[in-house]
Amino acid sequence: MGVSTKHPIIAVTGSSGAGTTTVMKSFAHIFRREGIAAQVIEGDSFHRFDRQEMRERVRRADHGEGPQISHFGPESNLLAELDRAFGEYAETGGGQVRRYIHDPAEGRELNGEPGTFTPWQSMQDKTDLLFYEGLHGAYVGPEAHVARHVDLLVGVVPIINLEWIQKLHRDQTLRGYSQQAVVETILRRMPDYVKHICPQFSRTHVNFQRVPTVDTSNPFIAKDIPSADESMVVIRFANPKGIDFPYLLSMLHDSWMSRPNNIVIPGGKMGLAMQLIFTPMILRLMDLRRRAA
């Protein structure tokens, strides 16, 4: 761990519906409790196209006008810019950011139309660290090497059936898409998922993988998303040295070790596990930062 001692970067990378809200909350708790000022970057803000243009590109690709495109792949993201933003923050503690406006509520808050971006602007002054949450925090490709700038890389990923159930559910109930349309999106994104998303989880320091304990063998007929109580979370440490497993096992009721670098916990304990695991790691980053200053 440790690329920039003065301006550390934490990146949480994972596909949508992986429990990213739990992750955001857990880190926000730690930052608040330890009095850490974080510059937050959402991966969506580095999309290349706004919602309308992305739809248009997908439509054209579906009609054979150009290659298939998805949010998982490099064609539809500003990955060189993300790489640059991380590099600049690591060096100077500053850089350029914008926000993607997801819905009307954010539109009112940020004074813009849903599906569009706010203008680029300078990052906050004097933050302690940068916190990124999105699809490409550990991305490595010909046009960008995002992962090299990150001091703490976290992967959050549901097994694929569960991811599909979550996507089907969200897009059908909240966004009113037909099942057919959602299935087409899943299939369209699959090559990018395999090529650009999966490899990132081999570069992370810690992975959280949500595994349902109910039958999800046919995700296309599932009527509801398995709840936290109907899931386990597998936590994998790339380097288990220095991880206090006895402490984690004693604090996380009903957890066990499945491999020397894996711990399995009840789904509802994910937020607590994150706080127990990441608080010491973040404090170590802050300590290194103080010494460098």
Protein backbone atom coordinates (compact mmCIF):
# COMPACT_ATOMS: atom_id res chain seq x y z
CA MET A 1 0.00 0.00 0.00
CA GLY A 2 1.08 3.57 -0.48
CA VAL A 3 1.57 5.52 -3.67
CA SER A 4 1.23 9.07 -2.45
CA THR A 5 1.90 9.49 1.25
CA LYS A 6 0.84 13.14 1.23
CA HIS A 7 -2.44 12.78 -0.67
CA PRO A 8 -3.77 9.22 -0.30
CA ILE A 9 -6.44 7.76 -2.59
CA ILE A 10 -9.05 5.15 -1.69
CA ALA A 11 -11.03 3.56 -4.51
CA VAL A 12 -14.05 1.31 -4.23
CA THR A 13 -14.69 -0.43 -7.50
CA GLY A 14 -17.72 -2.56 -8.26
CA SER A 15 -20.67 -2.94 -10.53
CA SER A 16 -23.92 -1.20 -9.70
CA GLY A 17 -26.18 -2.99 -7.26
CA ALA A 18 -23.26 -4.56 -5.45
CA GLY A 19 -24.21 -2.91 -2.18
CA THR A 20 -22.36 0.30 -2.96
CA THR A 21 -24.68 2.25 -0.63
CA THR A 22 -23.52 0.14 2.34
CA VAL A 23 -19.94 0.84 1.31
CA MET A 24 -20.45 4.59 1.00
CA LYS A 25 -22.15 4.69 4.41
CA SER A 26 -19.39 2.65 6.07
CA PHE A 27 -16.64 4.91 4.75
CA ALA A 28 -18.64 8.05 5.55
CA HIS A 29 -18.95 6.77 9.16
CA ILE A 30 -15.20 6.28 9.43
CA PHE A 31 -14.43 9.68 7.90
CA ARG A 32 -16.90 11.42 10.22
CA ARG A 33 -15.73 9.57 13.32
CA GLU A 34 -12.04 10.18 12.65
CA GLY A 35 -12.54 13.76 11.46
CA ILE A 36 -11.23 13.09 7.95
CA ALA A 37 -12.06 15.48 5.10
CA ALA A 38 -12.60 13.45 1.92
CA GLN A 39 -12.86 14.63 -1.68
CA VAL A 40 -15.46 12.28 -3.17
CA ILE A 41 -15.46 11.31 -6.85
CA GLU A 42 -18.30 9.30 -8.39
CA GLY A 43 -17.31 7.08 -11.29
CA ASP A 44 -20.41 8.21 -13.20
CA SER A 45 -18.99 11.71 -13.44
CA PHE A 46 -16.31 10.33 -15.77
CA HIS A 47 -18.80 8.90 -18.27
CA ARG A 48 -18.02 10.19 -21.75
CA PHE A 49 -21.64 10.75 -22.84
CA ASP A 50 -24.72 12.12 -21.13
CA ARG A 51 -27.78 9.88 -20.84
CA GLN A 52 -29.38 10.95 -24.09
CA GLU A 53 -26.25 10.62 -26.20
CA MET A 54 -25.43 7.22 -24.64
CA ARG A 55 -28.92 5.98 -25.58
CA GLU A 56 -28.40 7.25 -29.11
CA ARG A 57 -25.02 5.48 -29.40
CA VAL A 58 -26.50 2.22 -28.13
CA ARG A 59 -29.38 2.55 -30.60
CA ARG A 60 -26.96 3.12 -33.48
CA ALA A 61 -24.82 0.14 -32.42
CA ASP A 62 -27.95 -2.03 -32.25
CA HIS A 63 -28.62 -1.08 -35.87
CA GLY A 64 -25.12 -2.11 -36.88
CA GLU A 65 -23.75 1.43 -37.10
CA GLY A 66 -20.50 0.89 -35.21
CA PRO A 67 -19.35 -1.46 -32.41
CA GLN A 68 -21.41 -2.30 -29.32
CA ILE A 69 -20.95 0.08 -26.41
CA SER A 70 -21.65 -0.10 -22.67
CA HIS A 71 -20.83 1.81 -19.49
CA PHE A 72 -18.47 -1.01 -18.53
CA GLY A 73 -16.09 -0.37 -21.44
CA PRO A 74 -13.45 2.28 -22.11
CA GLU A 75 -15.22 3.75 -25.19
CA SER A 76 -17.91 5.32 -23.03
CA ASN A 77 -15.71 6.57 -20.19
CA LEU A 78 -13.04 9.26 -19.80
CA LEU A 79 -10.49 6.85 -18.33
CA ALA A 80 -7.40 8.83 -19.36
CA GLU A 81 -8.95 11.83 -17.57
CA LEU A 82 -9.68 9.70 -14.49
CA ASP A 83 -6.07 8.50 -14.51
CA ARG A 84 -4.94 12.14 -14.75
CA ALA A 85 -7.29 13.28 -11.96
CA PHE A 86 -5.91 10.58 -9.62
CA GLY A 87 -2.32 11.40 -10.58
CA GLU A 88 -2.82 15.11 -10.05
CA TYR A 89 -4.51 14.58 -6.69
CA ALA A 90 -1.72 12.25 -5.54
CA GLU A 91 0.82 14.91 -6.41
CA THR A 92 -0.88 18.16 -5.44
CA GLY A 93 -4.06 17.32 -3.51
CA GLY A 94 -6.11 19.04 -6.24
CA GLY A 95 -7.60 18.47 -9.68
CA GLN A 96 -10.78 18.83 -11.73
CA VAL A 97 -14.13 17.20 -10.92
CA ARG A 98 -17.74 17.32 -12.00
CA ARG A 99 -20.94 15.54 -11.00
CA TYR A 100 -23.35 13.39 -12.97
CA ILE A 101 -26.98 14.24 -12.22
CA HIS A 102 -28.85 10.97 -11.67
CA ASP A 103 -32.40 12.05 -10.85
CA PRO A 104 -34.70 15.06 -10.32
CA ALA A 105 -33.67 15.38 -6.65
CA GLU A 106 -30.01 15.72 -7.62
CA GLY A 107 -31.11 18.00 -10.45
CA ARG A 108 -32.65 20.42 -7.95
CA GLU A 109 -29.60 20.22 -5.67
CA LEU A 110 -27.07 20.70 -8.49
CA ASN A 111 -29.23 22.96 -10.64
CA GLY A 112 -29.28 20.86 -13.82
CA GLU A 113 -31.17 18.28 -15.87
CA PRO A 114 -31.13 14.59 -14.84
CA GLY A 115 -28.84 12.60 -17.13
CA THR A 116 -26.41 15.49 -17.68
CA PHE A 117 -23.16 16.65 -16.04
CA THR A 118 -22.35 19.72 -13.98
CA PRO A 119 -19.48 21.86 -15.35
CA TRP A 120 -15.92 20.83 -14.43
CA GLN A 121 -14.59 22.65 -11.39
CA SER A 122 -11.65 22.55 -8.99
CA MET A 123 -11.66 20.04 -6.14
CA GLN A 124 -12.21 21.20 -2.55
CA ASP A 125 -9.26 22.80 -0.82
CA LYS A 126 -7.22 20.95 1.79
CA THR A 127 -8.78 17.47 1.83
CA ASP A 128 -7.11 14.59 3.69
CA LEU A 129 -7.78 11.98 1.03
CA LEU A 130 -9.61 11.23 -2.20
CA PHE A 131 -12.44 8.69 -2.16
CA TYR A 132 -13.57 7.22 -5.49
CA GLU A 133 -16.59 4.97 -5.96
CA GLY A 134 -17.40 3.61 -9.41
CA LEU A 135 -16.69 1.03 -12.09
CA HIS A 136 -13.06 1.74 -12.94
CA GLY A 137 -11.05 2.37 -9.76
CA ALA A 138 -8.68 -0.50 -10.59
CA TYR A 139 -8.74 -0.10 -14.37
CA VAL A 140 -5.63 -0.87 -16.43
CA GLY A 141 -5.62 -0.57 -20.22
CA PRO A 142 -3.71 0.94 -23.13
CA GLU A 143 -5.22 4.39 -22.54
CA ALA A 144 -5.06 4.54 -18.73
CA HIS A 145 -3.50 2.94 -15.66
CA VAL A 146 -5.89 4.11 -12.94
CA ALA A 147 -4.96 1.42 -10.39
CA ARG A 148 -1.34 2.57 -9.92
CA HIS A 149 -2.39 5.76 -8.11
CA VAL A 150 -4.58 4.07 -5.50
CA ASP A 151 -3.37 3.40 -1.93
CA LEU A 152 -6.35 1.31 -0.83
CA LEU A 153 -8.30 -0.57 -3.50
CA VAL A 154 -11.57 -2.23 -2.52
CA GLY A 155 -13.70 -4.46 -4.74
CA VAL A 156 -17.41 -4.90 -4.07
CA VAL A 157 -19.14 -7.40 -6.30
CA PRO A 158 -22.19 -9.68 -6.18
CA ILE A 159 -22.00 -13.08 -7.86
CA ILE A 160 -23.29 -12.71 -11.39
CA ASN A 161 -26.80 -14.20 -10.90
CA LEU A 162 -27.36 -11.83 -8.02
CA GLU A 163 -26.13 -8.90 -10.06
CA TRP A 164 -28.62 -9.77 -12.79
CA ILE A 165 -31.49 -10.07 -10.30
CA GLN A 166 -30.62 -6.65 -8.89
CA LYS A 167 -30.41 -5.10 -12.34
CA LEU A 168 -33.67 -6.70 -13.56
CA HIS A 169 -35.41 -5.60 -10.41
CA ARG A 170 -34.16 -2.02 -10.45
CA ASP A 171 -34.67 -1.41 -14.15
CA GLN A 172 -38.12 -3.02 -14.28
CA THR A 173 -39.62 -1.66 -11.07
CA LEU A 174 -37.90 1.71 -10.74
CA ARG A 175 -37.28 2.58 -14.36
CA GLY A 176 -40.14 0.82 -16.08
CA TYR A 177 -38.07 -1.12 -18.63
CA SER A 178 -39.40 -4.39 -20.05
CA GLN A 179 -37.65 -7.60 -19.05
CA GLN A 180 -36.61 -8.08 -22.68
CA ALA A 181 -34.88 -4.67 -22.72
CA VAL A 182 -33.02 -5.42 -19.48
CA VAL A 183 -31.87 -8.83 -20.74
CA GLU A 184 -30.59 -7.18 -23.92
CA THR A 185 -28.60 -4.69 -21.83
CA ILE A 186 -27.13 -7.51 -19.75
CA LEU A 187 -26.05 -9.36 -22.91
CA ARG A 188 -24.71 -6.20 -24.52
CA ARG A 189 -22.55 -5.43 -21.48
CA MET A 190 -21.22 -8.96 -21.03
CA PRO A 191 -18.07 -8.71 -23.25
CA ASP A 192 -17.07 -5.46 -21.50
CA TYR A 193 -17.83 -7.00 -18.11
CA VAL A 194 -15.55 -9.95 -18.83
CA LYS A 195 -12.81 -7.86 -20.42
CA HIS A 196 -12.76 -4.69 -18.30
CA ILE A 197 -14.58 -5.22 -15.00
CA CYS A 198 -13.54 -8.74 -13.87
CA PRO A 199 -9.76 -8.20 -14.15
CA GLN A 200 -9.98 -5.28 -11.72
CA PHE A 201 -10.94 -7.59 -8.86
CA SER A 202 -7.52 -9.24 -9.08
CA ARG A 203 -5.85 -5.88 -8.41
CA THR A 204 -7.85 -4.96 -5.31
CA HIS A 205 -6.41 -5.16 -1.78
CA VAL A 206 -9.73 -6.33 -0.30
CA ASN A 207 -12.77 -7.82 -2.04
CA PHE A 208 -16.32 -8.15 -0.74
CA GLN A 209 -18.37 -10.64 -2.72
CA ARG A 210 -22.05 -11.03 -1.93
CA VAL A 211 -23.34 -14.58 -2.31
CA PRO A 212 -27.07 -15.36 -1.90
CA THR A 213 -28.01 -18.35 0.26
CA VAL A 214 -31.33 -18.78 -1.55
CA ASP A 215 -31.90 -20.29 -4.99
CA THR A 216 -31.08 -17.79 -7.72
CA SER A 217 -30.49 -20.36 -10.45
CA ASN A 218 -32.96 -18.66 -12.78
CA PRO A 219 -32.39 -14.96 -12.14
CA PHE A 220 -34.93 -14.00 -14.81
CA ILE A 221 -37.93 -15.18 -12.82
CA ALA A 222 -36.78 -14.04 -9.35
CA LYS A 223 -39.54 -11.97 -7.81
CA ASP A 224 -37.39 -10.25 -5.21
CA ILE A 225 -33.76 -9.47 -4.43
CA PRO A 226 -32.29 -11.77 -1.77
CA SER A 227 -32.04 -9.71 1.42
CA ALA A 228 -28.89 -9.20 3.49
CA ASP A 229 -30.11 -11.97 5.83
CA GLU A 230 -30.39 -14.30 2.84
CA SER A 231 -26.78 -13.67 1.82
CA MET A 232 -23.24 -14.25 2.98
CA VAL A 233 -20.33 -12.00 2.12
CA VAL A 234 -16.94 -13.47 1.24
CA ILE A 235 -14.11 -11.08 2.14
CA ARG A 236 -10.78 -11.74 0.45
CA PHE A 237 -7.49 -10.09 1.42
CA ALA A 238 -4.80 -9.94 -1.26
CA ASN A 239 -2.19 -9.82 1.48
CA PRO A 240 -3.48 -11.33 4.76
CA LYS A 241 -0.30 -10.33 6.61
CA GLY A 242 -1.17 -7.88 9.37
CA ILE A 243 -4.91 -8.67 9.30
CA ASP A 244 -6.11 -9.58 12.80
CA PHE A 245 -8.34 -12.54 11.91
CA PRO A 246 -9.02 -13.69 15.51
CA TYR A 247 -10.27 -10.17 16.30
CA LEU A 248 -12.51 -10.06 13.20
CA LEU A 249 -13.93 -13.54 13.93
CA SER A 250 -14.69 -12.57 17.52
CA MET A 251 -16.37 -9.27 16.50
CA LEU A 252 -18.36 -10.66 13.56
CA HIS A 253 -20.76 -13.20 15.01
CA ASP A 254 -21.27 -16.37 12.90
CA SER A 255 -18.27 -15.68 10.65
CA TRP A 256 -15.60 -18.20 9.70
CA MET A 257 -12.44 -18.51 7.64
CA SER A 258 -12.75 -20.50 4.42
CA ARG A 259 -9.13 -19.98 3.33
CA PRO A 260 -6.08 -18.38 4.96
CA ASN A 261 -6.96 -15.10 3.22
CA ASN A 262 -10.79 -15.41 3.16
CA ILE A 263 -13.38 -14.72 5.83
CA VAL A 264 -17.10 -15.40 5.34
CA ILE A 265 -19.61 -13.24 7.21
CA PRO A 266 -23.42 -12.91 7.38
CA GLY A 267 -24.69 -10.43 4.78
CA GLY A 268 -26.09 -8.03 7.37
CA LYS A 269 -22.65 -7.61 8.94
CA MET A 270 -21.00 -6.10 5.86
CA GLY A 271 -21.11 -2.51 7.10
CA LEU A 272 -19.66 -3.47 10.48
CA ALA A 273 -16.95 -5.61 8.85
CA MET A 274 -15.95 -2.68 6.65
CA GLN A 275 -15.58 -0.39 9.65
CA LEU A 276 -13.52 -2.96 11.56
CA ILE A 277 -11.27 -3.70 8.58
CA PHE A 278 -10.81 -0.24 7.10
CA THR A 279 -10.57 1.99 10.18
CA PRO A 280 -7.02 0.82 11.03
CA MET A 281 -6.00 0.95 7.35
CA ILE A 282 -7.25 4.51 6.95
CA LEU A 283 -5.65 5.62 10.21
CA ARG A 284 -2.37 4.17 8.94
CA LEU A 285 -2.71 6.23 5.73
CA MET A 286 -3.42 9.34 7.82
CA ASP A 287 -0.40 8.61 10.03
CA LEU A 288 1.90 8.27 7.01
CA ARG A 289 0.44 11.50 5.67
CA ARG A 290 1.14 13.38 8.91
CA ARG A 291 4.73 12.12 8.95
CA ALA A 292 5.27 13.13 5.32
CA ALA A 293 3.94 16.61 6.08
